[in-house]
Protein backbone atom coordinates (compact mmCIF):
# COMPACT_ATOMS: atom_id res chain seq x y z
CA MET A 1 -36.31 -8.76 -50.74
CA ASP A 2 -36.03 -9.70 -47.14
CA SER A 3 -39.45 -11.25 -45.68
CA GLU A 4 -40.35 -7.95 -43.47
CA LYS A 5 -40.69 -6.01 -46.90
CA THR A 6 -42.35 -8.90 -48.49
CA ALA A 7 -44.92 -9.88 -45.73
CA PRO A 8 -45.92 -7.20 -43.23
CA ASN A 9 -47.46 -7.95 -40.52
CA ASN A 10 -50.85 -5.66 -41.01
CA VAL A 11 -51.23 -7.27 -44.73
CA ILE A 12 -50.99 -10.86 -44.56
CA GLU A 13 -51.77 -13.72 -41.98
CA LYS A 14 -48.27 -15.31 -40.30
CA ILE A 15 -49.05 -18.46 -41.21
CA ASP A 16 -49.54 -17.60 -45.21
CA ARG A 17 -46.20 -15.56 -44.49
CA PRO A 18 -43.71 -18.25 -45.70
CA HIS A 19 -45.34 -18.93 -48.81
CA ILE A 20 -44.76 -15.37 -49.98
CA VAL A 21 -41.06 -15.68 -48.89
CA ASP A 22 -40.57 -19.25 -50.36
CA LEU A 23 -42.22 -17.87 -53.72
CA GLU A 24 -39.87 -14.54 -53.56
CA ASN A 25 -36.94 -16.92 -53.47
CA THR A 26 -38.29 -19.88 -56.08
CA PRO A 27 -35.65 -19.62 -58.90
CA LYS A 28 -36.52 -17.94 -62.13
CA GLY A 29 -36.77 -20.13 -65.42
CA ILE A 30 -34.05 -20.16 -68.04
CA ILE A 31 -36.94 -19.16 -70.79
CA PRO A 32 -38.71 -16.15 -71.18
CA GLU A 33 -42.07 -15.82 -69.98
CA SER A 34 -43.19 -15.15 -73.51
CA PHE A 35 -42.16 -19.02 -74.65
CA GLU A 36 -43.11 -20.49 -71.81
CA ASN A 37 -46.55 -21.66 -73.50
CA VAL A 38 -45.14 -22.62 -76.75
CA PRO A 39 -46.32 -26.19 -77.34
CA LEU A 40 -42.74 -27.59 -78.29
CA ILE A 41 -40.08 -24.86 -77.39
CA TYR A 42 -40.66 -25.08 -73.28
CA PRO A 43 -40.32 -28.64 -73.19
CA SER A 44 -37.86 -29.44 -75.65
CA VAL A 45 -35.29 -26.96 -74.28
CA ASN A 46 -35.92 -28.67 -70.44
CA TYR A 47 -35.39 -32.36 -72.38
CA LEU A 48 -31.95 -30.85 -73.85
CA ILE A 49 -30.71 -29.42 -70.72
CA TYR A 50 -31.04 -33.07 -69.04
CA PHE A 51 -29.87 -34.74 -72.19
CA ILE A 52 -26.59 -32.37 -71.88
CA ARG A 53 -26.27 -33.48 -67.88
CA THR A 54 -26.46 -36.90 -68.92
CA LEU A 55 -23.33 -36.44 -71.15
CA GLN A 56 -21.96 -34.72 -68.22
CA HIS A 57 -22.70 -37.66 -65.89
CA LEU A 58 -21.32 -40.04 -68.47
CA PHE A 59 -18.12 -38.23 -68.81
CA LEU A 60 -17.35 -37.56 -65.18
CA THR A 61 -17.90 -41.34 -64.46
CA LEU A 62 -15.67 -42.53 -67.11
CA LEU A 63 -13.19 -39.61 -66.39
CA PHE A 64 -13.06 -40.66 -62.21
CA ASP A 65 -13.16 -44.38 -62.69
CA TRP A 66 -11.92 -45.45 -66.06
CA THR A 67 -11.22 -49.41 -64.92
CA ASN A 68 -14.89 -49.38 -64.21
CA ILE A 69 -15.01 -51.23 -67.91
CA ILE A 70 -13.08 -53.93 -66.56
CA THR A 71 -13.83 -54.06 -62.35
CA SER A 72 -17.51 -53.45 -63.30
CA PRO A 73 -18.20 -54.39 -66.93
CA ILE A 74 -22.16 -55.00 -66.45
CA ASN A 75 -22.39 -51.77 -64.60
CA PHE A 76 -20.28 -50.07 -67.34
CA LEU A 77 -22.69 -51.50 -69.95
CA LEU A 78 -25.65 -50.43 -67.86
CA THR A 79 -24.65 -46.76 -67.44
CA PHE A 80 -23.03 -46.01 -70.94
CA VAL A 81 -25.96 -47.97 -72.55
CA PHE A 82 -28.96 -47.70 -70.51
CA PHE A 83 -28.74 -43.69 -69.94
CA PRO A 84 -29.13 -43.06 -73.69
CA VAL A 85 -31.60 -45.13 -74.47
CA VAL A 86 -33.53 -43.58 -71.58
CA ALA A 87 -32.63 -40.13 -73.01
CA ILE A 88 -34.29 -40.97 -76.36
CA GLY A 89 -37.47 -42.87 -74.69
CA LEU A 90 -37.95 -39.44 -72.77
CA PHE A 91 -38.05 -37.55 -75.96
CA LEU A 92 -40.72 -40.23 -77.46
CA LEU A 93 -42.64 -39.53 -73.99
CA GLU A 94 -42.66 -35.84 -74.82
CA ILE A 95 -44.31 -36.41 -77.94
CA ILE A 96 -47.38 -38.87 -76.25
CA LEU A 97 -47.45 -36.35 -73.53
CA ARG A 98 -48.49 -33.29 -75.94
CA PHE A 99 -50.89 -35.22 -77.42
CA ILE A 100 -52.45 -36.38 -74.32
CA SER A 101 -52.39 -32.67 -73.55
CA ILE A 102 -54.12 -31.32 -76.22
CA MET A 103 -57.14 -34.01 -75.99
CA LYS A 104 -60.14 -32.94 -74.03
CA TRP A 105 -60.97 -36.92 -73.12
CA ASP A 106 -63.69 -36.97 -70.52
CA VAL A 107 -62.03 -35.12 -67.38
CA ASN A 108 -64.26 -32.96 -65.49
CA ASP A 109 -62.31 -30.19 -63.99
CA ASP A 110 -65.39 -29.04 -61.82
CA GLU A 111 -65.56 -32.61 -59.94
CA SER A 112 -64.41 -32.73 -56.94
CA VAL A 113 -62.10 -35.82 -55.08
CA ILE A 114 -65.13 -37.02 -53.16
CA GLN A 115 -67.23 -36.76 -56.30
CA SER A 116 -65.24 -38.37 -58.27
CA TRP A 117 -64.46 -41.38 -55.50
CA SER A 118 -68.11 -41.49 -54.81
CA ARG A 119 -68.82 -42.86 -58.47
CA LEU A 120 -66.72 -46.03 -57.33
CA THR A 121 -68.75 -46.83 -54.32
CA SER A 122 -72.50 -46.98 -53.68
CA ASN A 123 -72.43 -45.69 -50.28
CA SER A 124 -70.92 -42.14 -50.53
CA GLU A 125 -72.27 -41.29 -46.76
CA LEU A 126 -69.89 -44.10 -45.86
CA LEU A 127 -67.22 -42.86 -47.92
CA VAL A 128 -67.31 -39.20 -45.95
CA LYS A 129 -67.65 -41.24 -42.77
CA ASN A 130 -64.80 -43.41 -43.37
CA LEU A 131 -62.80 -40.17 -44.06
CA ARG A 132 -63.98 -38.51 -40.65
CA LEU A 133 -62.72 -41.37 -38.97
CA GLY A 134 -59.61 -41.18 -40.81
CA ILE A 135 -59.32 -37.48 -39.12
CA LYS A 136 -59.84 -39.06 -35.88
CA ALA A 137 -57.44 -41.10 -36.20
CA LEU A 138 -54.74 -38.44 -36.75
CA ASP A 139 -55.77 -36.90 -33.60
CA GLU A 140 -55.29 -39.95 -31.47
CA LEU A 141 -52.45 -39.43 -28.66
CA PRO A 142 -49.12 -42.02 -29.36
CA ASN A 143 -49.41 -45.23 -27.73
CA LYS A 144 -46.69 -48.17 -27.10
CA TYR A 145 -49.45 -50.45 -28.11
CA ARG A 146 -51.02 -48.29 -30.91
CA LYS A 147 -52.90 -49.65 -33.89
CA GLY A 148 -50.18 -48.66 -36.11
CA PHE A 149 -51.70 -48.75 -39.78
CA ASP A 150 -55.10 -47.33 -40.10
CA LEU A 151 -56.87 -47.52 -43.11
CA ASN A 152 -59.29 -44.87 -42.64
CA GLY A 153 -56.09 -42.53 -41.63
CA ALA A 154 -54.85 -43.63 -45.08
CA GLN A 155 -57.28 -42.94 -47.05
CA PHE A 156 -57.70 -39.19 -45.58
CA LEU A 157 -54.51 -38.81 -46.51
CA LEU A 158 -54.73 -39.87 -49.76
CA TYR A 159 -57.50 -37.71 -50.24
CA LEU A 160 -55.70 -35.10 -49.10
CA SER A 161 -52.86 -35.94 -51.60
CA ALA A 162 -55.20 -35.70 -54.01
CA ILE A 163 -56.88 -32.52 -53.79
CA LEU A 164 -53.15 -30.87 -54.07
CA GLN A 165 -53.79 -31.06 -57.98
CA GLU A 166 -56.86 -28.76 -57.54
CA ARG A 167 -54.66 -25.57 -56.81
CA ASP A 168 -54.73 -23.10 -60.01
CA GLU A 169 -51.12 -22.76 -60.64
CA LYS A 170 -52.10 -20.58 -63.66
CA LYS A 171 -52.52 -18.18 -60.70
CA VAL A 172 -49.74 -18.59 -58.92
CA THR A 173 -47.46 -18.15 -61.23
CA GLU A 174 -48.99 -14.73 -61.52
CA ALA A 175 -48.19 -13.83 -58.30
CA TYR A 176 -44.91 -15.32 -58.85
CA ARG A 177 -44.19 -12.43 -61.43
CA MET A 178 -45.94 -9.62 -59.71
CA ILE A 179 -43.36 -10.53 -56.88
CA SER A 180 -40.59 -10.43 -59.42
CA GLN A 181 -42.11 -7.06 -60.46
CA LEU A 182 -42.12 -5.71 -57.24
CA LYS A 183 -38.62 -7.21 -56.12
CA LYS A 184 -37.04 -5.16 -58.78
CA SER A 185 -39.08 -1.72 -57.76
CA LEU A 186 -37.87 -2.32 -54.44
CA LYS A 187 -34.10 -2.26 -55.00
CA LYS A 188 -34.60 1.36 -56.55
CA ASP A 189 -37.01 2.86 -54.05
CA LYS A 190 -39.99 2.07 -51.48
CA ASN A 191 -43.21 2.92 -52.94
CA PRO A 192 -46.35 4.04 -51.21
CA ASP A 193 -48.59 1.47 -53.06
CA ASP A 194 -46.16 -1.69 -52.15
CA GLU A 195 -48.47 -2.71 -49.32
CA GLN A 196 -51.45 -2.61 -51.66
CA LYS A 197 -49.41 -4.73 -54.31
CA ILE A 198 -48.33 -7.36 -51.60
CA ARG A 199 -52.07 -7.85 -50.36
CA LYS A 200 -53.06 -8.08 -54.13
CA ILE A 201 -50.32 -10.93 -53.94
CA TYR A 202 -51.43 -12.44 -51.18
CA GLU A 203 -55.32 -12.31 -52.67
CA ILE A 204 -54.10 -14.29 -55.62
CA LEU A 205 -52.16 -16.98 -53.93
CA LYS A 206 -55.49 -17.44 -51.47
CA GLU A 207 -57.41 -17.60 -54.82
CA SER A 208 -55.36 -20.07 -56.47
CA GLU A 209 -55.85 -22.70 -53.13
CA SER A 210 -59.85 -21.51 -53.59
CA GLY A 211 -60.80 -25.19 -54.92
CA ILE A 212 -59.04 -26.96 -52.03
CA HIS A 213 -60.47 -24.58 -49.46
CA LYS A 214 -64.12 -25.78 -51.06
CA GLN A 215 -63.68 -29.59 -50.66
CA LEU A 216 -62.22 -29.04 -47.11
CA GLU A 217 -65.41 -27.30 -45.79
CA GLU A 218 -67.18 -30.30 -44.76
CA PHE A 219 -64.61 -31.84 -42.74
CA GLY A 220 -63.38 -28.38 -41.15
CA ILE A 221 -59.79 -28.62 -42.19
CA LYS A 222 -57.81 -25.47 -43.35
CA PHE A 223 -54.97 -25.69 -45.92
CA THR A 224 -52.10 -22.94 -47.12
CA SER A 225 -49.37 -23.65 -49.60
CA LEU A 226 -45.89 -23.46 -47.97
CA SER A 227 -42.96 -24.14 -51.13
CA GLU A 228 -43.32 -24.05 -54.47
CA LEU A 229 -39.83 -26.40 -54.21
CA ASN A 230 -37.95 -24.36 -56.73
CA THR A 231 -40.12 -24.63 -59.23
CA LEU A 232 -43.40 -23.36 -60.54
CA GLY A 233 -46.41 -25.26 -61.92
CA GLY A 234 -45.04 -28.64 -60.84
CA PRO A 235 -44.97 -30.31 -57.37
CA TYR A 236 -45.19 -28.17 -54.26
CA ALA A 237 -45.38 -28.66 -50.64
CA GLY A 238 -48.92 -27.74 -48.40
CA MET A 239 -49.57 -28.08 -44.98
CA PHE A 240 -53.15 -28.91 -43.68
CA TRP A 241 -54.59 -28.81 -39.99
CA SER A 242 -57.67 -28.47 -37.94
CA ASP A 243 -58.81 -25.48 -35.64
CA GLU A 244 -60.30 -27.96 -33.43
CA GLY A 245 -57.98 -30.70 -33.76
CA ASN A 246 -54.07 -31.22 -32.37
CA PHE A 247 -52.00 -32.42 -35.85
CA ILE A 248 -50.53 -30.95 -38.78
CA VAL A 249 -50.31 -33.33 -41.84
CA ILE A 250 -47.21 -31.94 -44.33
CA ALA A 251 -48.67 -32.57 -47.97
CA LEU A 252 -46.27 -32.70 -51.29
CA LYS A 253 -47.93 -32.80 -54.72
CA GLY A 254 -46.67 -35.27 -57.10
CA THR A 255 -46.67 -35.63 -60.60
CA THR A 256 -49.09 -33.99 -63.02
CA PRO A 257 -49.76 -36.81 -65.62
CA THR A 258 -49.10 -34.50 -68.97
CA SER A 259 -46.25 -32.39 -67.05
CA PHE A 260 -42.90 -33.27 -69.01
CA ASN A 261 -40.84 -31.58 -66.35
CA ASP A 262 -42.54 -33.70 -63.74
CA TRP A 263 -41.68 -36.98 -65.85
CA LEU A 264 -38.19 -35.82 -66.26
CA THR A 265 -37.96 -35.52 -62.53
CA ASN A 266 -39.21 -38.78 -62.05
CA ALA A 267 -37.07 -40.78 -64.87
CA THR A 268 -33.16 -39.17 -64.22
CA PHE A 269 -31.15 -41.81 -62.65
CA GLN A 270 -28.30 -39.75 -61.45
CA ARG A 271 -27.97 -39.58 -57.70
CA MET A 272 -25.99 -36.96 -55.44
CA ASP A 273 -24.13 -36.80 -52.11
CA ALA A 274 -26.71 -35.96 -49.49
CA ARG A 275 -24.92 -35.73 -46.23
CA SER A 276 -25.16 -32.29 -45.80
CA TYR A 277 -28.84 -32.56 -44.90
CA LEU A 278 -29.56 -36.56 -44.84
CA PHE A 279 -27.74 -39.45 -45.33
CA GLY A 280 -25.93 -41.21 -48.48
CA GLU A 281 -26.31 -40.69 -51.79
CA VAL A 282 -30.29 -39.63 -53.32
CA HIS A 283 -32.06 -39.10 -56.37
CA GLU A 284 -30.80 -35.95 -57.74
CA GLY A 285 -34.20 -34.78 -59.37
CA PHE A 286 -35.92 -35.38 -56.13
CA TYR A 287 -33.06 -33.98 -53.80
CA ILE A 288 -32.70 -30.43 -55.45
CA GLN A 289 -36.28 -29.87 -55.10
CA LEU A 290 -36.23 -29.54 -51.26
CA PHE A 291 -32.28 -28.64 -50.47
CA PRO A 292 -29.60 -26.77 -52.01
CA ALA A 293 -28.51 -28.12 -55.17
CA ASP A 294 -24.70 -26.38 -54.91
CA GLU A 295 -23.05 -28.28 -52.17
CA TYR A 296 -21.41 -24.64 -51.54
CA ASP A 297 -25.12 -23.49 -50.86
CA SER A 298 -25.29 -26.04 -47.77
CA ILE A 299 -22.26 -24.54 -45.91
CA ARG A 300 -23.78 -20.83 -45.91
CA VAL A 301 -24.46 -19.03 -42.77
CA ASP A 302 -28.02 -18.69 -44.23
CA ARG A 303 -29.06 -21.56 -45.20
CA ARG A 304 -32.79 -21.34 -46.17
CA CYS A 305 -34.09 -23.82 -48.78
CA PRO A 306 -37.83 -25.16 -49.36
CA ALA A 307 -37.27 -27.95 -46.50
CA THR A 308 -35.96 -25.34 -43.85
CA ARG A 309 -38.92 -22.77 -45.05
CA ILE A 310 -41.00 -25.93 -44.68
CA ILE A 311 -40.23 -27.18 -41.08
CA ASP A 312 -40.45 -23.16 -40.15
CA ALA A 313 -43.69 -22.62 -41.09
CA VAL A 314 -44.67 -26.05 -39.40
CA ARG A 315 -42.93 -24.90 -35.92
CA ILE A 316 -44.95 -21.84 -36.27
CA LYS A 317 -48.41 -23.49 -36.33
CA ALA A 318 -47.74 -26.12 -34.38
CA GLU A 319 -46.88 -23.24 -31.22
CA SER A 320 -49.96 -21.63 -32.10
CA ILE A 321 -52.31 -24.85 -32.24
CA ARG A 322 -50.49 -26.14 -28.75
CA LYS A 323 -51.20 -22.89 -27.23
CA ARG A 324 -55.14 -23.03 -28.40
CA ASN A 325 -55.32 -26.32 -26.65
CA ARG A 326 -53.53 -25.15 -23.73
CA ASP A 327 -55.93 -22.16 -23.02
CA ASN A 328 -59.26 -24.03 -24.24
CA ASN A 329 -58.43 -26.94 -21.55
CA HIS A 330 -57.05 -24.86 -19.04
CA LYS A 331 -53.71 -27.31 -18.62
CA THR A 332 -49.86 -26.37 -17.90
CA PRO A 333 -47.66 -26.75 -20.42
CA GLU A 334 -46.59 -29.85 -19.66
CA ASP A 335 -49.87 -31.84 -19.41
CA THR A 336 -50.66 -30.28 -23.12
CA PRO A 337 -50.20 -33.13 -25.87
CA LEU A 338 -47.43 -31.89 -28.37
CA VAL A 339 -49.22 -31.72 -31.87
CA ASN A 340 -48.83 -34.40 -33.97
CA ILE A 341 -47.00 -34.06 -37.45
CA TYR A 342 -47.74 -36.52 -39.99
CA VAL A 343 -46.08 -36.46 -43.95
CA THR A 344 -48.12 -37.46 -46.86
CA GLY A 345 -47.80 -37.52 -50.80
CA HIS A 346 -48.23 -39.17 -54.23
CA SER A 347 -45.93 -40.49 -56.65
CA LEU A 348 -43.33 -37.75 -56.99
CA GLY A 349 -44.80 -36.11 -53.80
CA GLY A 350 -44.59 -39.61 -51.86
CA ALA A 351 -40.41 -39.31 -52.86
CA LEU A 352 -40.39 -35.44 -51.83
CA ALA A 353 -42.48 -36.70 -48.70
CA THR A 354 -40.13 -39.45 -47.86
CA LEU A 355 -36.97 -37.20 -48.22
CA LEU A 356 -38.68 -35.06 -45.92
CA TYR A 357 -39.58 -37.40 -43.46
CA ALA A 358 -35.79 -38.62 -43.35
CA ARG A 359 -35.10 -35.13 -42.51
CA LEU A 360 -37.29 -34.83 -39.67
CA MET A 361 -36.11 -38.21 -38.41
CA LYS A 362 -32.40 -36.99 -38.63
CA SER A 363 -33.18 -33.53 -36.97
CA PRO A 364 -36.38 -34.07 -34.99
CA GLN A 365 -35.28 -30.83 -32.88
CA SER A 366 -35.41 -28.41 -35.95
CA LEU A 367 -39.53 -29.13 -35.42
CA GLY A 368 -39.26 -27.54 -31.96
CA LYS A 369 -40.52 -28.37 -28.62
CA ASP A 370 -44.14 -28.37 -29.47
CA CYS A 371 -44.19 -30.87 -32.01
CA LEU A 372 -44.26 -34.76 -32.13
CA LEU A 373 -43.04 -36.58 -35.55
CA ARG A 374 -45.67 -39.38 -36.32
CA ASP A 375 -45.77 -41.51 -39.19
CA GLY A 376 -45.23 -40.93 -42.70
CA THR A 377 -47.22 -42.51 -45.61
CA VAL A 378 -46.37 -42.34 -48.97
CA PHE A 379 -48.54 -43.70 -52.16
CA ALA A 380 -46.72 -44.79 -55.30
CA SER A 381 -43.17 -43.46 -54.12
CA PRO A 382 -40.42 -44.50 -56.36
CA SER A 383 -37.10 -45.57 -54.65
CA ILE A 384 -35.10 -42.38 -53.76
CA GLY A 385 -31.69 -43.50 -52.29
CA ASP A 386 -28.56 -45.83 -52.32
CA ASN A 387 -27.71 -48.66 -49.87
CA ASP A 388 -26.35 -46.08 -47.26
CA PHE A 389 -29.50 -44.05 -47.04
CA SER A 390 -31.33 -47.06 -46.88
CA ALA A 391 -29.72 -48.49 -44.03
CA GLU A 392 -29.32 -45.28 -42.08
CA PHE A 393 -33.29 -44.84 -42.53
CA SER A 394 -33.68 -48.33 -41.17
CA SER A 395 -31.48 -47.30 -38.43
CA LEU A 396 -33.05 -43.90 -37.58
CA SER A 397 -36.42 -45.82 -37.53
CA ASN A 398 -35.80 -48.01 -35.07
CA LYS A 399 -33.83 -45.84 -32.67
CA SER A 400 -36.46 -46.54 -29.65
CA ASN A 401 -38.59 -48.17 -28.01
CA ASP A 402 -40.38 -44.96 -27.22
CA GLU A 403 -40.53 -43.86 -30.82
CA TYR A 404 -43.97 -43.95 -32.60
CA LYS A 405 -43.70 -43.21 -35.97
CA THR A 406 -43.14 -45.56 -39.13
CA LEU A 407 -43.22 -44.99 -42.90
CA TRP A 408 -45.86 -46.52 -44.40
CA ARG A 409 -45.18 -47.14 -48.40
CA ILE A 410 -48.43 -47.72 -49.73
CA VAL A 411 -48.38 -49.87 -53.26
CA CYS A 412 -51.23 -50.21 -55.43
CA ASP A 413 -50.89 -54.12 -56.83
CA ASN A 414 -48.50 -53.93 -60.10
CA ASP A 415 -48.04 -49.86 -59.96
CA ILE A 416 -44.80 -49.13 -62.34
CA VAL A 417 -43.78 -46.08 -60.45
CA PRO A 418 -42.27 -48.30 -57.08
CA ARG A 419 -40.39 -50.09 -59.34
CA VAL A 420 -38.11 -47.30 -60.48
CA PRO A 421 -35.84 -46.09 -60.89
CA ILE A 422 -34.47 -49.54 -61.71
CA GLY A 423 -32.68 -50.89 -58.60
CA HIS A 424 -32.15 -53.90 -56.23
CA HIS A 425 -35.42 -54.05 -53.83
CA HIS A 426 -34.30 -57.07 -51.86
CA PRO A 427 -32.50 -55.51 -48.37
CA LYS A 428 -30.01 -58.66 -48.77
CA PHE A 429 -28.29 -57.25 -51.92
CA ARG A 430 -27.15 -54.04 -49.72
CA ARG A 431 -23.52 -55.66 -48.84
CA TYR A 432 -23.30 -57.09 -52.36
CA THR A 433 -23.92 -53.56 -53.90
CA LYS A 434 -20.99 -51.19 -54.58
CA LYS A 435 -21.54 -47.13 -54.31
CA ILE A 436 -21.18 -46.60 -57.99
CA HIS A 437 -23.21 -48.91 -59.37
CA ILE A 438 -26.03 -47.67 -61.51
CA MET A 439 -28.94 -50.07 -59.83
CA ASN A 440 -27.79 -49.13 -56.35
CA TYR A 441 -31.53 -47.96 -55.47
CA PHE A 442 -33.08 -49.24 -52.14
CA HIS A 443 -36.52 -48.70 -51.07
CA VAL A 444 -37.18 -47.71 -47.35
CA GLY A 445 -40.46 -47.94 -44.95
CA ASN A 446 -42.81 -50.58 -44.25
CA GLU A 447 -44.29 -51.53 -47.64
CA VAL A 448 -47.52 -52.39 -47.71
CA ARG A 449 -49.08 -53.42 -51.02
CA PHE A 450 -52.95 -53.66 -51.51
CA TYR A 451 -54.16 -55.61 -54.70
CA GLN A 452 -57.12 -55.06 -57.17
CA ASP A 453 -58.83 -58.30 -56.85
CA GLY A 454 -59.52 -58.36 -53.31
CA SER A 455 -56.85 -60.37 -52.03
CA THR A 456 -55.44 -59.96 -48.77
CA PRO A 457 -52.99 -56.89 -48.56
CA SER A 458 -49.07 -57.95 -47.90
CA SER A 459 -46.99 -56.04 -45.49
CA MET A 460 -43.01 -56.48 -44.70
CA ASN A 461 -43.81 -57.38 -41.49
CA ASN A 462 -46.80 -59.85 -41.94
CA ILE A 463 -49.47 -57.70 -39.81
CA PHE A 464 -52.20 -59.08 -42.33
CA THR A 465 -51.17 -62.62 -41.39
CA ASP A 466 -50.66 -64.63 -38.07
CA ASP A 467 -46.88 -65.51 -39.29
CA LYS A 468 -44.67 -63.33 -36.87
CA GLU A 469 -41.85 -63.66 -39.09
CA LEU A 470 -40.33 -60.89 -40.65
CA ILE A 471 -40.09 -62.10 -44.10
CA PHE A 472 -37.00 -60.21 -45.34
CA ILE A 473 -34.91 -60.52 -42.20
CA GLU A 474 -35.39 -63.83 -40.90
CA ARG A 475 -35.81 -65.52 -44.15
CA GLY A 476 -32.69 -66.66 -47.05
CA LEU A 477 -33.07 -65.53 -50.61
CA SER A 478 -35.46 -67.61 -52.24
CA TRP A 479 -35.31 -68.19 -56.11
CA LYS A 480 -37.92 -65.79 -56.61
CA ASP A 481 -36.25 -62.71 -54.41
CA TRP A 482 -33.01 -63.45 -57.15
CA ARG A 483 -35.69 -61.75 -59.50
CA GLY A 484 -34.84 -58.36 -57.64
CA LEU A 485 -31.16 -58.76 -59.42
CA PHE A 486 -33.40 -57.33 -61.99
CA GLY A 487 -35.00 -54.31 -60.93
CA PHE A 488 -38.23 -54.37 -61.72
CA TYR A 489 -39.32 -57.52 -59.37
CA ASP A 490 -40.57 -56.73 -56.30
CA PRO A 491 -41.04 -59.60 -53.60
CA PHE A 492 -44.22 -59.32 -53.50
CA ASP A 493 -45.04 -60.01 -57.07
CA HIS A 494 -45.57 -63.96 -56.07
CA ALA A 495 -47.01 -63.33 -52.53
CA LYS A 496 -49.52 -66.09 -51.79
CA HIS A 497 -53.24 -64.71 -50.99
CA ASP A 498 -55.48 -67.54 -48.76
CA LYS A 499 -58.32 -65.05 -48.58
CA LYS A 500 -60.00 -62.79 -51.13
CA ALA A 501 -62.51 -60.08 -49.73
CA THR A 502 -65.73 -59.42 -51.18
CA PHE A 503 -66.34 -55.81 -52.50
CA GLU A 504 -68.59 -53.73 -54.95
CA ARG A 505 -67.69 -54.06 -58.66
CA LYS A 506 -68.38 -50.58 -59.29
CA LEU A 507 -64.43 -50.21 -57.83
CA ASN A 508 -63.57 -51.79 -61.00
CA ASP A 509 -64.95 -48.66 -63.01
CA LYS A 510 -63.02 -46.19 -65.14
CA LEU A 511 -63.47 -42.93 -64.13
CA TYR A 512 -62.06 -41.45 -67.67
CA SER A 513 -62.25 -42.81 -70.82
CA TYR A 514 -58.15 -43.20 -71.48
CA GLU A 515 -58.62 -45.88 -68.86
CA LYS A 516 -59.82 -48.38 -71.72
CA PHE A 517 -56.36 -48.14 -73.21
CA LEU A 518 -54.58 -48.66 -69.63
CA VAL A 519 -55.19 -52.68 -69.50
CA GLY A 520 -52.79 -56.00 -69.88
CA PRO A 521 -49.16 -54.98 -70.18
CA LEU A 522 -50.43 -51.14 -69.84
CA SER A 523 -52.33 -51.87 -66.61
CA PRO A 524 -49.32 -50.57 -64.25
CA PHE A 525 -49.63 -47.31 -65.65
CA ARG A 526 -53.65 -47.07 -64.89
CA ASN A 527 -52.99 -48.23 -61.24
CA HIS A 528 -50.85 -45.44 -60.57
CA MET A 529 -53.67 -43.30 -60.53
CA SER A 530 -54.76 -41.95 -57.17
CA HIS A 531 -58.30 -43.12 -57.39
CA ARG A 532 -57.06 -46.47 -58.41
CA TYR A 533 -55.32 -46.27 -54.76
CA PHE A 534 -58.33 -45.44 -52.93
CA ALA A 535 -60.10 -48.32 -54.84
CA ALA A 536 -57.27 -51.09 -53.61
CA LEU A 537 -57.75 -49.49 -50.23
CA GLU A 538 -61.52 -49.64 -50.24
CA LYS A 539 -61.41 -53.35 -51.39
CA SER A 540 -59.49 -54.59 -48.29
CA ARG A 541 -61.81 -53.01 -46.01
CA GLU A 542 -63.41 -56.26 -45.26
CA PHE A 543 -59.88 -57.86 -43.71
CA PHE A 544 -59.89 -54.52 -41.33
CA ASP A 545 -64.12 -55.01 -40.50
CA LYS A 546 -63.42 -58.63 -39.58
CA GLY A 547 -60.23 -58.14 -37.80
CA ASP A 548 -58.10 -60.21 -40.08
CA VAL A 549 -55.38 -57.73 -39.39
CA ASN A 550 -52.96 -58.02 -36.29
CA PHE A 551 -52.68 -54.56 -34.73
CA LYS A 552 -52.12 -55.57 -30.82
CA ASP A 553 -48.39 -56.10 -31.53
CA LYS A 554 -45.85 -54.13 -29.09
CA HIS A 555 -43.44 -52.05 -31.34
CA VAL A 556 -40.23 -53.45 -30.05
CA PRO A 557 -36.71 -51.99 -30.87
CA GLY A 558 -35.29 -53.64 -34.06
CA GLU A 559 -38.71 -53.63 -35.75
CA ASN A 560 -40.05 -51.07 -37.83
CA ILE A 561 -43.55 -51.97 -37.33
CA VAL A 562 -46.79 -51.49 -35.42
């Protein structure tokens, strides 16, 4: 079924057609619809598939590099012991998630994100004001002496990432089934009722987004879904824009806490060759959500995949926004500013946002002549690629003095997810890591870490202190840095903090009753929640208000900073 039959001009808005086409191209699940809601069968089959793929990976690893046991004994041990242990751990995780999903706890489904966050502060009006300032920050024109990291802008992008959870996935699944039935009927013969059915599908999809649209009304922001990312009920991509602004935000939804499939994606460790669309090797579970899983699909003449459909939709909308700005301001095309493009996501969404951002950096011309790629801001993102991917990403980030983009990787204190997959988190280890190593994972972007005790935030480029030394480049390995060999260590785990901000104690409140169990050794799981990221960002506001952040540094070649 081609896009013209799926989305005729007189039925569906132009900006919404890419989602209809993407939904029609979303692969069908391997489990019959009648079994999808059975508590044990659905997740168990997915687990079995994962376990089989793990065995295949172990077999092929041994087949193509049987000398690994001699040349890299530690890596061999990790590969053939760690993988099976993780597989067993995921089976236990399935049981835990099943238990959590049937508990009602005290989650209020009718509570908006603003209402939820307002319970952490005594001034909800100031919260809304700061989010509006974040919108204004996204609208700013690029400047070589620009501020760089903007707290209000980061909070607003976190807000957009959080409200992606408000979409009704059951209605999206209903629309998908209707499209599948329509697709079968179109193969036989065109029916006069087809356009009416397509209209019904469109209305169901817009109804699924009603919770998001309702929360965006007070900010004058529009939204549409763009792609289901090759799966239903899990992560997806959406687009935000303003009818009066000059920006577009591509946001990717992250992990649903009780979704076993999402945790399976996060927990896999296999990498795959990403050079068809990106560079180096990247996490297989993340890659196949955006790009073709089969290498043969990458060389077809028709290379449509979720990533290309997302970019096509953004290009179409940017053209419309720039034309509107040109007509409203009576300017020539040359004098009309390009539309700012931002990318964001939380957790799994952060990992997918990083991959999409990497694609846009590698192929900026794909956005067309009306777009300007600006910053990416990801929250709680796990590692996604090997040393080759990390090195090439850094190279593209530092490409030119005239570039106005940075990938900000925000970490909330001791959040567990940015520490997985287990890898080496210090760039100096790149030269010693072999391609086949299981721990060949490195982070990308400029990490900015915020703390729950109100300490001065940490940054890879020391933008929060007067010290201009690039701590990961100019300095050698200290004894603390060596802990990065063991995966879970982060270079900021023992950062010194001379200042602590004063903040409202309400920011430490627990929004949900189950948070009382996530203390002590389990606090890294609590600090993964989006509202904990909001709290950590808000606790640092004093440093921004007092001007303790170095914002006046010029962006120079070789530095992926402000």
